Amino acid sequence: MDFIQPAANDYVTHYSDATPAYLRPMYEQTMLTHPHAHLQSNWNQGGFLSFFSKLLTPQSILEIGTFSGFSTLCLAEGLNHTGTIDTIELRLEDANAARTHFVTSPKGQQIISHIGDAKVIIPTLTKQWDLVFIDADKTSYIDYVNLVLPMLSDKGVIIADNVLFHGQVFEENITGKNALAIHAFNEFILQHKGIEKIMLTVRDGLTLIRKK
């Protein structure tokens, strides 16, 4: 969900072109037909994920929260030719829909789709992650970081989405469950001495994290 001024979103999208153009039909289809379309990364955020992944040229990417598969395919743009992206989705229907997009995509053979609880699945994946994108249930963000941080490579970066949570974290008295969870996550990241972090006002807020 975008809470940044719509004119600003439109402006930066107009002056950006990093989002893979072939994803436009699936992106628009999700926005028009999915009852929870606001959960999809917006077009320009997808471009950021693609651009950043290309800078890292990761061997192993982990995505927690597949949803439509749009962000998965954006992240996959930067994979080296032998690299893989493991993406985890709790909801069977969304995971299966995303898989239909993966099989027809240029990087489809490099995508490994998992269905189930990420907190159960992640410990079974014995990889070093060069890039991790967290965009799932907000109440588990701290758990996810604690799980993946020991598995992060020396160059690895974690990107956490929705860290501004529609502006609700700015409220003097935060009441929503998810907003409270995100605020607690932001405080946890701020106080963590073993990491370097930067928060960006991209869409609903992104925090980039790496080990010191």
C-alpha atoms as a PDB file:
ATOM      1  CA  MET A   1       0.000   0.000   0.000  1.00  0.00           C
ATOM      2  CA  ASP A   2       1.368   3.415  -0.975  1.00  0.00           C
ATOM      3  CA  PHE A   3       1.096   6.195   1.574  1.00  0.00           C
ATOM      4  CA  ILE A   4       3.760   8.405  -0.011  1.00  0.00           C
ATOM      5  CA  GLN A   5       2.181  11.269  -1.999  1.00  0.00           C
ATOM      6  CA  PRO A   6       0.761   9.683  -5.195  1.00  0.00           C
ATOM      7  CA  ALA A   7       2.316  12.417  -7.338  1.00  0.00           C
ATOM      8  CA  ALA A   8       5.748  11.492  -5.976  1.00  0.00           C
ATOM      9  CA  ASN A   9       5.169   7.813  -6.768  1.00  0.00           C
ATOM     10  CA  ASP A  10       4.065   8.667 -10.298  1.00  0.00           C
ATOM     11  CA  TYR A  11       7.021  10.998 -10.805  1.00  0.00           C
ATOM     12  CA  VAL A  12       9.721   8.545  -9.723  1.00  0.00           C
ATOM     13  CA  THR A  13       8.101   5.774 -11.765  1.00  0.00           C
ATOM     14  CA  HIS A  14       8.136   8.004 -14.856  1.00  0.00           C
ATOM     15  CA  TYR A  15      11.868   8.622 -14.458  1.00  0.00           C
ATOM     16  CA  SER A  16      12.811   5.000 -13.754  1.00  0.00           C
ATOM     17  CA  ASP A  17      13.111   1.989 -16.035  1.00  0.00           C
ATOM     18  CA  ALA A  18      14.781  -0.772 -13.966  1.00  0.00           C
ATOM     19  CA  THR A  19      11.660  -2.927 -13.637  1.00  0.00           C
ATOM     20  CA  PRO A  20      11.700  -5.782 -16.191  1.00  0.00           C
ATOM     21  CA  ALA A  21       9.216  -4.738 -18.874  1.00  0.00           C
ATOM     22  CA  TYR A  22       8.011  -8.295 -19.513  1.00  0.00           C
ATOM     23  CA  LEU A  23       6.456  -8.346 -16.026  1.00  0.00           C
ATOM     24  CA  ARG A  24       3.933  -5.588 -16.810  1.00  0.00           C
ATOM     25  CA  PRO A  25       1.023  -7.911 -17.785  1.00  0.00           C
ATOM     26  CA  MET A  26       1.280 -10.092 -14.661  1.00  0.00           C
ATOM     27  CA  TYR A  27       1.737  -7.011 -12.481  1.00  0.00           C
ATOM     28  CA  GLU A  28      -1.369  -5.346 -13.902  1.00  0.00           C
ATOM     29  CA  GLN A  29      -3.389  -8.565 -13.741  1.00  0.00           C
ATOM     30  CA  THR A  30      -2.643  -8.924 -10.034  1.00  0.00           C
ATOM     31  CA  MET A  31      -3.506  -5.286  -9.352  1.00  0.00           C
ATOM     32  CA  LEU A  32      -6.835  -5.641 -11.178  1.00  0.00           C
ATOM     33  CA  THR A  33      -7.977  -9.064  -9.975  1.00  0.00           C
ATOM     34  CA  HIS A  34      -6.370 -10.086  -6.681  1.00  0.00           C
ATOM     35  CA  PRO A  35      -8.428  -9.217  -3.563  1.00  0.00           C
ATOM     36  CA  HIS A  36      -5.194  -8.414  -1.706  1.00  0.00           C
ATOM     37  CA  ALA A  37      -3.387  -6.700  -4.559  1.00  0.00           C
ATOM     38  CA  HIS A  38      -1.942  -4.073  -2.193  1.00  0.00           C
ATOM     39  CA  LEU A  39       0.424  -6.775  -0.891  1.00  0.00           C
ATOM     40  CA  GLN A  40       2.303  -6.798  -4.191  1.00  0.00           C
ATOM     41  CA  SER A  41       5.436  -4.657  -4.416  1.00  0.00           C
ATOM     42  CA  ASN A  42       4.646  -1.649  -6.549  1.00  0.00           C
ATOM     43  CA  TRP A  43       6.167  -1.244  -9.994  1.00  0.00           C
ATOM     44  CA  ASN A  44       9.042   1.022  -9.017  1.00  0.00           C
ATOM     45  CA  GLN A  45       9.884  -1.003  -5.922  1.00  0.00           C
ATOM     46  CA  GLY A  46      10.243  -3.992  -8.210  1.00  0.00           C
ATOM     47  CA  GLY A  47      12.737  -1.950 -10.180  1.00  0.00           C
ATOM     48  CA  PHE A  48      14.693  -1.236  -7.016  1.00  0.00           C
ATOM     49  CA  LEU A  49      14.854  -4.949  -6.176  1.00  0.00           C
ATOM     50  CA  SER A  50      15.996  -5.793  -9.702  1.00  0.00           C
ATOM     51  CA  PHE A  51      18.611  -3.022  -9.775  1.00  0.00           C
ATOM     52  CA  PHE A  52      19.981  -3.912  -6.336  1.00  0.00           C
ATOM     53  CA  SER A  53      20.138  -7.616  -7.151  1.00  0.00           C
ATOM     54  CA  LYS A  54      22.103  -6.848 -10.317  1.00  0.00           C
ATOM     55  CA  LEU A  55      24.619  -4.893  -8.230  1.00  0.00           C
ATOM     56  CA  LEU A  56      25.149  -7.872  -5.907  1.00  0.00           C
ATOM     57  CA  THR A  57      25.029 -10.608  -8.579  1.00  0.00           C
ATOM     58  CA  PRO A  58      24.009 -13.077  -5.849  1.00  0.00           C
ATOM     59  CA  GLN A  59      24.537 -16.805  -5.953  1.00  0.00           C
ATOM     60  CA  SER A  60      21.734 -17.489  -3.446  1.00  0.00           C
ATOM     61  CA  ILE A  61      18.646 -15.378  -2.756  1.00  0.00           C
ATOM     62  CA  LEU A  62      15.988 -16.059  -0.134  1.00  0.00           C
ATOM     63  CA  GLU A  63      12.560 -14.455  -0.394  1.00  0.00           C
ATOM     64  CA  ILE A  64      10.175 -14.767   2.546  1.00  0.00           C
ATOM     65  CA  GLY A  65       6.722 -14.084   1.110  1.00  0.00           C
ATOM     66  CA  THR A  66       6.226 -14.914  -2.586  1.00  0.00           C
ATOM     67  CA  PHE A  67       2.683 -13.560  -3.092  1.00  0.00           C
ATOM     68  CA  SER A  68       2.215 -13.005  -6.868  1.00  0.00           C
ATOM     69  CA  GLY A  69       5.824 -13.764  -7.757  1.00  0.00           C
ATOM     70  CA  PHE A  70       6.431 -10.247  -9.079  1.00  0.00           C
ATOM     71  CA  SER A  71       9.112  -9.420  -6.506  1.00  0.00           C
ATOM     72  CA  THR A  72      10.609 -12.908  -6.954  1.00  0.00           C
ATOM     73  CA  LEU A  73      11.141 -12.340 -10.656  1.00  0.00           C
ATOM     74  CA  CYS A  74      12.548  -8.861 -10.058  1.00  0.00           C
ATOM     75  CA  LEU A  75      15.050 -10.231  -7.545  1.00  0.00           C
ATOM     76  CA  ALA A  76      15.969 -13.082  -9.884  1.00  0.00           C
ATOM     77  CA  GLU A  77      17.181 -10.583 -12.505  1.00  0.00           C
ATOM     78  CA  GLY A  78      20.529 -10.275 -10.725  1.00  0.00           C
ATOM     79  CA  LEU A  79      21.259 -13.967 -10.208  1.00  0.00           C
ATOM     80  CA  ASN A  80      24.475 -15.208 -11.727  1.00  0.00           C
ATOM     81  CA  HIS A  81      24.037 -17.987 -14.278  1.00  0.00           C
ATOM     82  CA  THR A  82      24.368 -20.772 -11.684  1.00  0.00           C
ATOM     83  CA  GLY A  83      22.527 -18.977  -8.893  1.00  0.00           C
ATOM     84  CA  THR A  84      19.141 -19.808  -7.346  1.00  0.00           C
ATOM     85  CA  ILE A  85      16.356 -18.034  -5.499  1.00  0.00           C
ATOM     86  CA  ASP A  86      14.366 -19.877  -2.832  1.00  0.00           C
ATOM     87  CA  THR A  87      10.986 -18.248  -2.307  1.00  0.00           C
ATOM     88  CA  ILE A  88       8.587 -19.213   0.487  1.00  0.00           C
ATOM     89  CA  GLU A  89       4.816 -18.666   0.508  1.00  0.00           C
ATOM     90  CA  LEU A  90       2.391 -19.781   3.206  1.00  0.00           C
ATOM     91  CA  ARG A  91      -0.746 -19.604   1.046  1.00  0.00           C
ATOM     92  CA  LEU A  92      -1.099 -22.485  -1.425  1.00  0.00           C
ATOM     93  CA  GLU A  93      -3.257 -20.555  -3.891  1.00  0.00           C
ATOM     94  CA  ASP A  94      -0.803 -17.668  -4.178  1.00  0.00           C
ATOM     95  CA  ALA A  95       2.197 -20.000  -4.436  1.00  0.00           C
ATOM     96  CA  ASN A  96       0.590 -21.984  -7.252  1.00  0.00           C
ATOM     97  CA  ALA A  97      -0.375 -18.809  -9.124  1.00  0.00           C
ATOM     98  CA  ALA A  98       3.187 -17.505  -8.825  1.00  0.00           C
ATOM     99  CA  ARG A  99       4.554 -20.795 -10.148  1.00  0.00           C
ATOM    100  CA  THR A 100       2.591 -20.337 -13.372  1.00  0.00           C
ATOM    101  CA  HIS A 101       4.540 -17.113 -13.933  1.00  0.00           C
ATOM    102  CA  PHE A 102       7.870 -18.679 -12.988  1.00  0.00           C
ATOM    103  CA  VAL A 103       7.718 -21.465 -15.578  1.00  0.00           C
ATOM    104  CA  THR A 104       7.397 -18.983 -18.452  1.00  0.00           C
ATOM    105  CA  SER A 105      10.025 -16.529 -17.181  1.00  0.00           C
ATOM    106  CA  PRO A 106      13.653 -16.199 -18.334  1.00  0.00           C
ATOM    107  CA  LYS A 107      14.937 -17.203 -14.868  1.00  0.00           C
ATOM    108  CA  GLY A 108      12.304 -19.846 -14.187  1.00  0.00           C
ATOM    109  CA  GLN A 109      14.791 -22.727 -13.949  1.00  0.00           C
ATOM    110  CA  GLN A 110      16.627 -20.889 -11.160  1.00  0.00           C
ATOM    111  CA  ILE A 111      13.574 -20.406  -8.919  1.00  0.00           C
ATOM    112  CA  ILE A 112      12.777 -22.884  -6.127  1.00  0.00           C
ATOM    113  CA  SER A 113       9.270 -22.417  -4.728  1.00  0.00           C
ATOM    114  CA  HIS A 114       8.390 -23.593  -1.211  1.00  0.00           C
ATOM    115  CA  ILE A 115       4.934 -23.721   0.369  1.00  0.00           C
ATOM    116  CA  GLY A 116       4.537 -23.570   4.129  1.00  0.00           C
ATOM    117  CA  ASP A 117       5.725 -21.841   7.287  1.00  0.00           C
ATOM    118  CA  ALA A 118       8.955 -19.971   6.628  1.00  0.00           C
ATOM    119  CA  LYS A 119      10.117 -20.476  10.219  1.00  0.00           C
ATOM    120  CA  VAL A 120      10.004 -24.228   9.624  1.00  0.00           C
ATOM    121  CA  ILE A 121      11.415 -24.178   6.093  1.00  0.00           C
ATOM    122  CA  ILE A 122      14.353 -21.775   6.528  1.00  0.00           C
ATOM    123  CA  PRO A 123      16.358 -24.029   8.904  1.00  0.00           C
ATOM    124  CA  THR A 124      16.188 -26.823   6.303  1.00  0.00           C
ATOM    125  CA  LEU A 125      17.863 -24.657   3.638  1.00  0.00           C
ATOM    126  CA  THR A 126      21.593 -25.102   4.066  1.00  0.00           C
ATOM    127  CA  LYS A 127      22.788 -22.170   2.011  1.00  0.00           C
ATOM    128  CA  GLN A 128      24.657 -18.945   2.540  1.00  0.00           C
ATOM    129  CA  TRP A 129      22.405 -16.096   1.488  1.00  0.00           C
ATOM    130  CA  ASP A 130      23.754 -13.191  -0.534  1.00  0.00           C
ATOM    131  CA  LEU A 131      20.381 -11.442  -0.572  1.00  0.00           C
ATOM    132  CA  VAL A 132      17.291 -11.904   1.611  1.00  0.00           C
ATOM    133  CA  PHE A 133      13.967 -10.139   1.021  1.00  0.00           C
ATOM    134  CA  ILE A 134      11.500 -10.223   3.924  1.00  0.00           C
ATOM    135  CA  ASP A 135       7.906  -9.379   2.999  1.00  0.00           C
ATOM    136  CA  ALA A 136       5.683 -11.731   5.003  1.00  0.00           C
ATOM    137  CA  ASP A 137       3.779 -11.701   8.309  1.00  0.00           C
ATOM    138  CA  LYS A 138       4.921  -8.640  10.213  1.00  0.00           C
ATOM    139  CA  THR A 139       4.750 -10.256  13.649  1.00  0.00           C
ATOM    140  CA  SER A 140       7.567 -12.647  12.645  1.00  0.00           C
ATOM    141  CA  TYR A 141      10.073 -10.158  11.237  1.00  0.00           C
ATOM    142  CA  ILE A 142      12.380 -10.378  14.265  1.00  0.00           C
ATOM    143  CA  ASP A 143      12.273 -14.179  14.092  1.00  0.00           C
ATOM    144  CA  TYR A 144      13.121 -14.114  10.388  1.00  0.00           C
ATOM    145  CA  VAL A 145      16.151 -11.871  10.888  1.00  0.00           C
ATOM    146  CA  ASN A 146      17.396 -14.030  13.757  1.00  0.00           C
ATOM    147  CA  LEU A 147      17.047 -17.099  11.531  1.00  0.00           C
ATOM    148  CA  VAL A 148      18.785 -15.733   8.436  1.00  0.00           C
ATOM    149  CA  LEU A 149      21.489 -13.521   9.943  1.00  0.00           C
ATOM    150  CA  PRO A 150      23.799 -16.453  10.806  1.00  0.00           C
ATOM    151  CA  MET A 151      23.282 -17.756   7.247  1.00  0.00           C
ATOM    152  CA  LEU A 152      24.178 -14.444   5.590  1.00  0.00           C
ATOM    153  CA  SER A 153      27.308 -14.391   3.438  1.00  0.00           C
ATOM    154  CA  ASP A 154      30.059 -11.833   3.944  1.00  0.00           C
ATOM    155  CA  LYS A 155      28.568  -9.660   1.205  1.00  0.00           C
ATOM    156  CA  GLY A 156      24.988 -10.540   2.126  1.00  0.00           C
ATOM    157  CA  VAL A 157      22.198  -7.989   2.538  1.00  0.00           C
ATOM    158  CA  ILE A 158      18.759  -8.358   4.109  1.00  0.00           C
ATOM    159  CA  ILE A 159      15.970  -6.134   2.784  1.00  0.00           C
ATOM    160  CA  ALA A 160      12.934  -5.814   5.043  1.00  0.00           C
ATOM    161  CA  ASP A 161       9.760  -4.387   3.493  1.00  0.00           C
ATOM    162  CA  ASN A 162       6.911  -2.342   5.019  1.00  0.00           C
ATOM    163  CA  VAL A 163       9.054  -0.862   7.798  1.00  0.00           C
ATOM    164  CA  LEU A 164       6.949   2.320   7.751  1.00  0.00           C
ATOM    165  CA  PHE A 165       3.717   0.295   7.727  1.00  0.00           C
ATOM    166  CA  HIS A 166       1.490   2.786   5.913  1.00  0.00           C
ATOM    167  CA  GLY A 167       2.679   5.572   8.218  1.00  0.00           C
ATOM    168  CA  GLN A 168       1.139   3.971  11.293  1.00  0.00           C
ATOM    169  CA  VAL A 169       4.552   3.708  12.986  1.00  0.00           C
ATOM    170  CA  PHE A 170       4.617   7.526  13.133  1.00  0.00           C
ATOM    171  CA  GLU A 171       1.586   7.645  15.425  1.00  0.00           C
ATOM    172  CA  GLU A 172       2.116   8.697  19.024  1.00  0.00           C
ATOM    173  CA  ASN A 173       0.005   5.789  20.281  1.00  0.00           C
ATOM    174  CA  ILE A 174       0.392   2.844  17.923  1.00  0.00           C
ATOM    175  CA  THR A 175      -2.539   0.440  18.241  1.00  0.00           C
ATOM    176  CA  GLY A 176      -2.564  -1.931  15.256  1.00  0.00           C
ATOM    177  CA  LYS A 177      -1.030  -5.383  15.789  1.00  0.00           C
ATOM    178  CA  ASN A 178       1.091  -5.251  12.647  1.00  0.00           C
ATOM    179  CA  ALA A 179       2.171  -1.657  13.197  1.00  0.00           C
ATOM    180  CA  LEU A 180       3.214  -2.520  16.749  1.00  0.00           C
ATOM    181  CA  ALA A 181       5.164  -5.506  15.449  1.00  0.00           C
ATOM    182  CA  ILE A 182       6.938  -3.415  12.828  1.00  0.00           C
ATOM    183  CA  HIS A 183       7.768  -0.706  15.368  1.00  0.00           C
ATOM    184  CA  ALA A 184       9.217  -3.399  17.655  1.00  0.00           C
ATOM    185  CA  PHE A 185      11.207  -4.749  14.708  1.00  0.00           C
ATOM    186  CA  ASN A 186      12.561  -1.288  13.884  1.00  0.00           C
ATOM    187  CA  GLU A 187      13.638  -0.837  17.516  1.00  0.00           C
ATOM    188  CA  PHE A 188      15.252  -4.285  17.509  1.00  0.00           C
ATOM    189  CA  ILE A 189      17.236  -3.479  14.362  1.00  0.00           C
ATOM    190  CA  LEU A 190      18.236  -0.060  15.722  1.00  0.00           C
ATOM    191  CA  GLN A 191      19.632  -1.573  18.929  1.00  0.00           C
ATOM    192  CA  HIS A 192      21.368  -4.554  17.288  1.00  0.00           C
ATOM    193  CA  LYS A 193      25.125  -4.019  17.638  1.00  0.00           C
ATOM    194  CA  GLY A 194      26.206  -6.636  15.112  1.00  0.00           C
ATOM    195  CA  ILE A 195      24.663  -5.078  12.037  1.00  0.00           C
ATOM    196  CA  GLU A 196      24.734  -1.948   9.918  1.00  0.00           C
ATOM    197  CA  LYS A 197      21.380  -0.696   8.749  1.00  0.00           C
ATOM    198  CA  ILE A 198      19.763   2.018   6.676  1.00  0.00           C
ATOM    199  CA  MET A 199      16.047   2.754   6.312  1.00  0.00           C
ATOM    200  CA  LEU A 200      14.772   4.088   2.987  1.00  0.00           C
ATOM    201  CA  THR A 201      11.476   5.784   2.153  1.00  0.00           C
ATOM    202  CA  VAL A 202      10.834   3.587  -0.886  1.00  0.00           C
ATOM    203  CA  ARG A 203       7.096   2.909  -1.126  1.00  0.00           C
ATOM    204  CA  ASP A 204       6.118   1.619   2.353  1.00  0.00           C
ATOM    205  CA  GLY A 205       9.684   1.740   3.643  1.00  0.00           C
ATOM    206  CA  LEU A 206      12.647  -0.608   3.205  1.00  0.00           C
ATOM    207  CA  THR A 207      15.423  -1.336   5.680  1.00  0.00           C
ATOM    208  CA  LEU A 208      18.717  -2.675   4.327  1.00  0.00           C
ATOM    209  CA  ILE A 209      20.788  -4.701   6.788  1.00  0.00           C
ATOM    210  CA  ARG A 210      24.247  -6.232   6.629  1.00  0.00           C
ATOM    211  CA  LYS A 211      26.605  -7.763   9.176  1.00  0.00           C
ATOM    212  CA  LYS A 212      29.423  -5.553  10.460  1.00  0.00           C
END
